[in-house]
């Protein structure tokens, strides 16, 4: 069930493309115009007020355009709004959390 949508504009090879970040339970994702999933980030509940980001995927056609970062930011915004902490288990999420000081307050102890 779709619960939210965030409009993002991507540009690859000079062609602007309109892509929606959609949300379902425990994941944010992007589908292409055919309805095929082309990017996603998933997370699982890991106790009271803690979620674990366990997977990030971006298709080759979208890589290098900041899509994974936008998906991760969607999870971060949701965690902040619900007062949750995050365990960044997938390699991408871990690398970003290691790099971004503004996410440190969300790290689960």
N, C-alpha and C. Protein backbone atom coordinates (compact mmCIF):
# COMPACT_ATOMS: atom_id res chain seq x y z
N UNK A 1 0.83 -1.18 0.00
CA UNK A 1 0.00 0.00 0.00
C UNK A 1 0.88 1.24 0.00
N UNK A 2 0.64 2.13 -0.92
CA UNK A 2 1.38 3.36 -1.02
C UNK A 2 0.93 4.32 0.07
N UNK A 3 1.92 4.81 0.86
CA UNK A 3 1.54 5.72 1.94
C UNK A 3 2.09 7.13 1.75
N UNK A 4 3.09 7.28 0.90
CA UNK A 4 3.58 8.63 0.64
C UNK A 4 4.35 8.64 -0.67
N UNK A 5 4.54 9.82 -1.20
CA UNK A 5 5.27 9.96 -2.45
C UNK A 5 6.04 11.27 -2.41
N UNK A 6 7.30 11.22 -2.83
CA UNK A 6 8.15 12.40 -2.87
C UNK A 6 8.64 12.54 -4.30
N UNK A 7 8.40 13.67 -4.93
CA UNK A 7 8.79 13.87 -6.32
C UNK A 7 10.26 14.25 -6.39
N UNK A 8 11.00 13.59 -7.27
CA UNK A 8 12.41 13.84 -7.48
C UNK A 8 12.65 14.02 -8.97
N UNK A 9 13.53 14.91 -9.34
CA UNK A 9 13.86 15.09 -10.74
C UNK A 9 15.29 14.65 -10.97
N UNK A 10 15.48 13.77 -11.90
CA UNK A 10 16.79 13.24 -12.22
C UNK A 10 17.14 13.61 -13.64
N UNK A 11 18.42 13.75 -13.92
CA UNK A 11 18.84 14.08 -15.26
C UNK A 11 19.98 13.16 -15.67
N UNK A 12 19.79 12.38 -16.70
CA UNK A 12 20.82 11.47 -17.20
C UNK A 12 20.98 11.73 -18.68
N UNK A 13 22.15 12.10 -19.12
CA UNK A 13 22.39 12.34 -20.53
C UNK A 13 21.58 13.49 -21.09
N UNK A 14 21.26 14.47 -20.24
CA UNK A 14 20.52 15.62 -20.71
C UNK A 14 19.02 15.43 -20.77
N UNK A 15 18.54 14.23 -20.47
CA UNK A 15 17.11 13.97 -20.51
C UNK A 15 16.54 14.02 -19.10
N UNK A 16 15.67 14.97 -18.86
CA UNK A 16 15.03 15.07 -17.54
C UNK A 16 14.01 13.95 -17.42
N UNK A 17 13.94 13.38 -16.26
CA UNK A 17 13.02 12.28 -16.02
C UNK A 17 12.35 12.51 -14.68
N UNK A 18 11.09 12.25 -14.60
CA UNK A 18 10.33 12.47 -13.38
C UNK A 18 10.19 11.14 -12.66
N UNK A 19 10.66 11.07 -11.43
CA UNK A 19 10.64 9.82 -10.68
C UNK A 19 10.06 10.10 -9.30
N UNK A 20 9.21 9.20 -8.84
CA UNK A 20 8.62 9.32 -7.52
C UNK A 20 9.29 8.35 -6.56
N UNK A 21 9.66 8.83 -5.38
CA UNK A 21 10.07 7.94 -4.31
C UNK A 21 8.79 7.57 -3.59
N UNK A 22 8.50 6.30 -3.56
CA UNK A 22 7.29 5.81 -2.94
C UNK A 22 7.64 5.06 -1.65
N UNK A 23 6.65 4.93 -0.77
CA UNK A 23 6.87 4.25 0.49
C UNK A 23 5.85 3.14 0.68
N UNK A 24 6.36 2.01 1.09
CA UNK A 24 5.53 0.92 1.57
C UNK A 24 6.11 0.52 2.92
N UNK A 25 5.48 -0.39 3.57
CA UNK A 25 5.96 -0.81 4.88
C UNK A 25 7.42 -1.25 4.80
N UNK A 26 8.26 -0.61 5.58
CA UNK A 26 9.67 -0.94 5.74
C UNK A 26 10.52 -0.76 4.49
N UNK A 27 10.09 0.10 3.56
CA UNK A 27 10.94 0.39 2.40
C UNK A 27 10.48 1.65 1.68
N UNK A 28 11.46 2.29 1.06
CA UNK A 28 11.22 3.37 0.10
C UNK A 28 11.76 2.86 -1.23
N UNK A 29 11.10 3.22 -2.33
CA UNK A 29 11.51 2.66 -3.62
C UNK A 29 11.09 3.57 -4.76
N UNK A 30 11.68 3.30 -5.93
CA UNK A 30 11.34 3.99 -7.17
C UNK A 30 11.04 2.93 -8.21
N UNK A 31 9.94 3.10 -8.90
CA UNK A 31 9.59 2.23 -10.03
C UNK A 31 9.78 3.02 -11.32
N UNK A 32 10.12 2.32 -12.40
CA UNK A 32 10.20 2.99 -13.69
C UNK A 32 8.81 3.13 -14.29
N UNK A 33 8.74 3.67 -15.48
CA UNK A 33 7.44 3.93 -16.11
C UNK A 33 6.66 2.65 -16.40
N UNK A 34 7.34 1.50 -16.41
CA UNK A 34 6.66 0.21 -16.62
C UNK A 34 6.19 -0.42 -15.31
N UNK A 35 6.58 0.20 -14.19
CA UNK A 35 6.20 -0.34 -12.89
C UNK A 35 7.24 -1.27 -12.29
N UNK A 36 8.41 -1.39 -12.94
CA UNK A 36 9.49 -2.23 -12.41
C UNK A 36 10.31 -1.43 -11.40
N UNK A 37 10.66 -2.07 -10.29
CA UNK A 37 11.45 -1.42 -9.24
C UNK A 37 12.87 -1.19 -9.77
N UNK A 38 13.34 0.06 -9.67
CA UNK A 38 14.68 0.39 -10.16
C UNK A 38 15.59 0.95 -9.05
N UNK A 39 15.04 1.18 -7.87
CA UNK A 39 15.84 1.61 -6.73
C UNK A 39 15.04 1.38 -5.46
N UNK A 40 15.74 0.98 -4.38
CA UNK A 40 15.04 0.80 -3.12
C UNK A 40 16.00 0.81 -1.95
N UNK A 41 15.45 1.13 -0.80
CA UNK A 41 16.14 0.98 0.47
C UNK A 41 15.16 0.30 1.40
N UNK A 42 15.64 -0.71 2.12
CA UNK A 42 14.75 -1.44 3.01
C UNK A 42 15.31 -1.40 4.43
N UNK A 43 14.41 -1.53 5.38
CA UNK A 43 14.80 -1.53 6.79
C UNK A 43 13.84 -2.43 7.55
N UNK A 44 14.31 -2.90 8.70
CA UNK A 44 13.50 -3.79 9.51
C UNK A 44 13.45 -3.27 10.95
N UNK A 45 12.32 -3.46 11.62
CA UNK A 45 12.25 -3.10 13.04
C UNK A 45 13.25 -3.96 13.83
N UNK A 46 13.96 -3.32 14.74
CA UNK A 46 14.98 -4.04 15.52
C UNK A 46 14.83 -3.73 17.00
N UNK A 47 13.65 -3.90 17.51
CA UNK A 47 13.39 -3.60 18.90
C UNK A 47 12.59 -2.31 19.02
N UNK A 48 12.42 -1.86 20.24
CA UNK A 48 11.66 -0.65 20.49
C UNK A 48 12.36 0.58 19.91
N UNK A 49 11.72 1.25 19.01
CA UNK A 49 12.20 2.51 18.45
C UNK A 49 13.55 2.42 17.75
N UNK A 50 13.86 1.27 17.19
CA UNK A 50 15.10 1.09 16.43
C UNK A 50 14.77 0.40 15.12
N UNK A 51 15.36 0.91 14.03
CA UNK A 51 15.24 0.23 12.75
C UNK A 51 16.64 -0.05 12.21
N UNK A 52 16.77 -1.12 11.45
CA UNK A 52 18.03 -1.50 10.83
C UNK A 52 17.88 -1.36 9.33
N UNK A 53 18.71 -0.50 8.73
CA UNK A 53 18.75 -0.40 7.27
C UNK A 53 19.57 -1.58 6.78
N UNK A 54 18.92 -2.48 6.04
CA UNK A 54 19.59 -3.72 5.67
C UNK A 54 19.89 -3.87 4.18
N UNK A 55 19.40 -2.94 3.35
CA UNK A 55 19.60 -3.12 1.91
C UNK A 55 19.37 -1.81 1.17
N UNK A 56 20.27 -1.49 0.25
CA UNK A 56 20.09 -0.36 -0.66
C UNK A 56 20.45 -0.85 -2.05
N UNK A 57 19.58 -0.53 -3.02
CA UNK A 57 19.82 -0.92 -4.41
C UNK A 57 19.43 0.23 -5.34
N UNK A 58 20.28 0.51 -6.31
CA UNK A 58 19.98 1.49 -7.36
C UNK A 58 20.42 0.86 -8.68
N UNK A 59 19.51 0.85 -9.65
CA UNK A 59 19.84 0.26 -10.95
C UNK A 59 20.96 1.05 -11.62
N UNK A 60 21.64 0.39 -12.52
CA UNK A 60 22.75 1.00 -13.25
C UNK A 60 22.32 2.31 -13.93
N UNK A 61 21.10 2.36 -14.43
CA UNK A 61 20.63 3.55 -15.17
C UNK A 61 20.50 4.79 -14.28
N UNK A 62 20.42 4.61 -12.97
CA UNK A 62 20.27 5.74 -12.06
C UNK A 62 21.51 6.04 -11.22
N UNK A 63 22.51 5.20 -11.31
CA UNK A 63 23.69 5.39 -10.46
C UNK A 63 24.41 6.69 -10.78
N UNK A 64 25.00 7.28 -9.75
CA UNK A 64 25.74 8.51 -9.90
C UNK A 64 24.87 9.76 -9.90
N UNK A 65 23.60 9.62 -9.60
CA UNK A 65 22.68 10.76 -9.63
C UNK A 65 22.14 11.11 -8.25
N UNK A 66 22.68 10.50 -7.20
CA UNK A 66 22.25 10.81 -5.85
C UNK A 66 20.97 10.12 -5.41
N UNK A 67 20.54 9.12 -6.15
CA UNK A 67 19.29 8.44 -5.82
C UNK A 67 19.38 7.71 -4.49
N UNK A 68 20.46 6.98 -4.25
CA UNK A 68 20.61 6.25 -2.98
C UNK A 68 20.57 7.22 -1.80
N UNK A 69 21.19 8.38 -1.96
CA UNK A 69 21.17 9.39 -0.91
C UNK A 69 19.78 9.90 -0.62
N UNK A 70 18.98 10.07 -1.67
CA UNK A 70 17.60 10.52 -1.49
C UNK A 70 16.76 9.45 -0.80
N UNK A 71 17.00 8.20 -1.14
CA UNK A 71 16.30 7.10 -0.46
C UNK A 71 16.69 7.05 1.01
N UNK A 72 17.99 7.16 1.28
CA UNK A 72 18.46 7.14 2.67
C UNK A 72 17.89 8.33 3.44
N UNK A 73 17.85 9.48 2.83
CA UNK A 73 17.29 10.66 3.50
C UNK A 73 15.81 10.45 3.83
N UNK A 74 15.09 9.72 2.99
CA UNK A 74 13.69 9.41 3.27
C UNK A 74 13.57 8.58 4.55
N UNK A 75 14.47 7.61 4.72
CA UNK A 75 14.46 6.79 5.94
C UNK A 75 14.83 7.65 7.14
N UNK A 76 15.82 8.49 6.99
CA UNK A 76 16.27 9.37 8.08
C UNK A 76 15.12 10.29 8.52
N UNK A 77 14.42 10.88 7.56
CA UNK A 77 13.30 11.77 7.91
C UNK A 77 12.20 11.00 8.65
N UNK A 78 11.92 9.79 8.20
CA UNK A 78 10.90 9.00 8.88
C UNK A 78 11.34 8.66 10.31
N UNK A 79 12.60 8.24 10.47
CA UNK A 79 13.11 7.90 11.79
C UNK A 79 13.04 9.11 12.72
N UNK A 80 13.45 10.26 12.23
CA UNK A 80 13.40 11.49 13.04
C UNK A 80 11.96 11.80 13.47
N UNK A 81 11.04 11.68 12.53
CA UNK A 81 9.65 12.03 12.84
C UNK A 81 9.02 11.09 13.86
N UNK A 82 9.52 9.86 13.93
CA UNK A 82 8.96 8.87 14.87
C UNK A 82 9.82 8.70 16.12
N UNK A 83 10.94 9.41 16.18
CA UNK A 83 11.82 9.29 17.34
C UNK A 83 12.60 7.99 17.37
N UNK A 84 12.86 7.40 16.21
CA UNK A 84 13.57 6.13 16.12
C UNK A 84 15.08 6.35 15.99
N UNK A 85 15.82 5.35 16.38
CA UNK A 85 17.26 5.28 16.14
C UNK A 85 17.48 4.32 14.98
N UNK A 86 18.67 4.41 14.37
CA UNK A 86 18.97 3.62 13.17
C UNK A 86 20.25 2.82 13.36
N UNK A 87 20.22 1.57 12.92
CA UNK A 87 21.42 0.75 12.77
C UNK A 87 21.68 0.65 11.27
N UNK A 88 22.75 1.29 10.76
CA UNK A 88 23.04 1.23 9.33
C UNK A 88 23.83 -0.04 9.00
N UNK A 89 23.14 -1.13 8.70
CA UNK A 89 23.80 -2.42 8.49
C UNK A 89 24.31 -2.62 7.06
N UNK A 90 23.62 -2.08 6.07
CA UNK A 90 24.10 -2.27 4.70
C UNK A 90 25.32 -1.37 4.48
N UNK A 91 26.18 -1.76 3.56
CA UNK A 91 27.44 -1.04 3.36
C UNK A 91 27.24 0.41 2.94
N UNK A 92 26.24 0.68 2.12
CA UNK A 92 26.01 2.06 1.69
C UNK A 92 25.58 2.93 2.88
N UNK A 93 24.59 2.48 3.62
CA UNK A 93 24.10 3.26 4.76
C UNK A 93 25.21 3.47 5.78
N UNK A 94 26.00 2.44 6.03
CA UNK A 94 27.10 2.56 6.99
C UNK A 94 28.10 3.62 6.53
N UNK A 95 28.46 3.60 5.25
CA UNK A 95 29.42 4.59 4.73
C UNK A 95 28.89 6.01 4.87
N UNK A 96 27.61 6.21 4.59
CA UNK A 96 27.04 7.55 4.70
C UNK A 96 26.98 7.99 6.16
N UNK A 97 26.56 7.10 7.05
CA UNK A 97 26.50 7.45 8.47
C UNK A 97 27.89 7.76 9.02
N UNK A 98 28.91 7.06 8.53
CA UNK A 98 30.28 7.34 8.96
C UNK A 98 30.73 8.72 8.50
N UNK A 99 30.22 9.17 7.37
CA UNK A 99 30.63 10.42 6.74
C UNK A 99 29.83 11.64 7.20
N UNK A 100 28.57 11.46 7.50
CA UNK A 100 27.68 12.60 7.78
C UNK A 100 27.47 12.82 9.28
N UNK A 101 28.02 13.90 9.77
CA UNK A 101 27.88 14.19 11.20
C UNK A 101 26.42 14.48 11.58
N UNK A 102 25.63 14.97 10.63
CA UNK A 102 24.24 15.31 10.94
C UNK A 102 23.36 14.08 11.18
N UNK A 103 23.88 12.89 10.92
CA UNK A 103 23.12 11.66 11.18
C UNK A 103 23.53 10.98 12.48
N UNK A 104 24.59 11.45 13.11
CA UNK A 104 25.14 10.77 14.29
C UNK A 104 24.15 10.64 15.44
N UNK A 105 23.26 11.61 15.59
CA UNK A 105 22.29 11.57 16.68
C UNK A 105 21.28 10.44 16.49
N UNK A 106 21.18 9.89 15.29
CA UNK A 106 20.24 8.81 15.02
C UNK A 106 20.82 7.42 15.23
N UNK A 107 22.13 7.33 15.41
CA UNK A 107 22.76 6.02 15.56
C UNK A 107 22.30 5.31 16.84
N UNK A 108 21.86 4.08 16.67
CA UNK A 108 21.48 3.27 17.83
C UNK A 108 22.73 2.88 18.59
N UNK A 109 22.66 2.93 19.87
CA UNK A 109 23.83 2.58 20.72
C UNK A 109 23.88 1.10 20.96
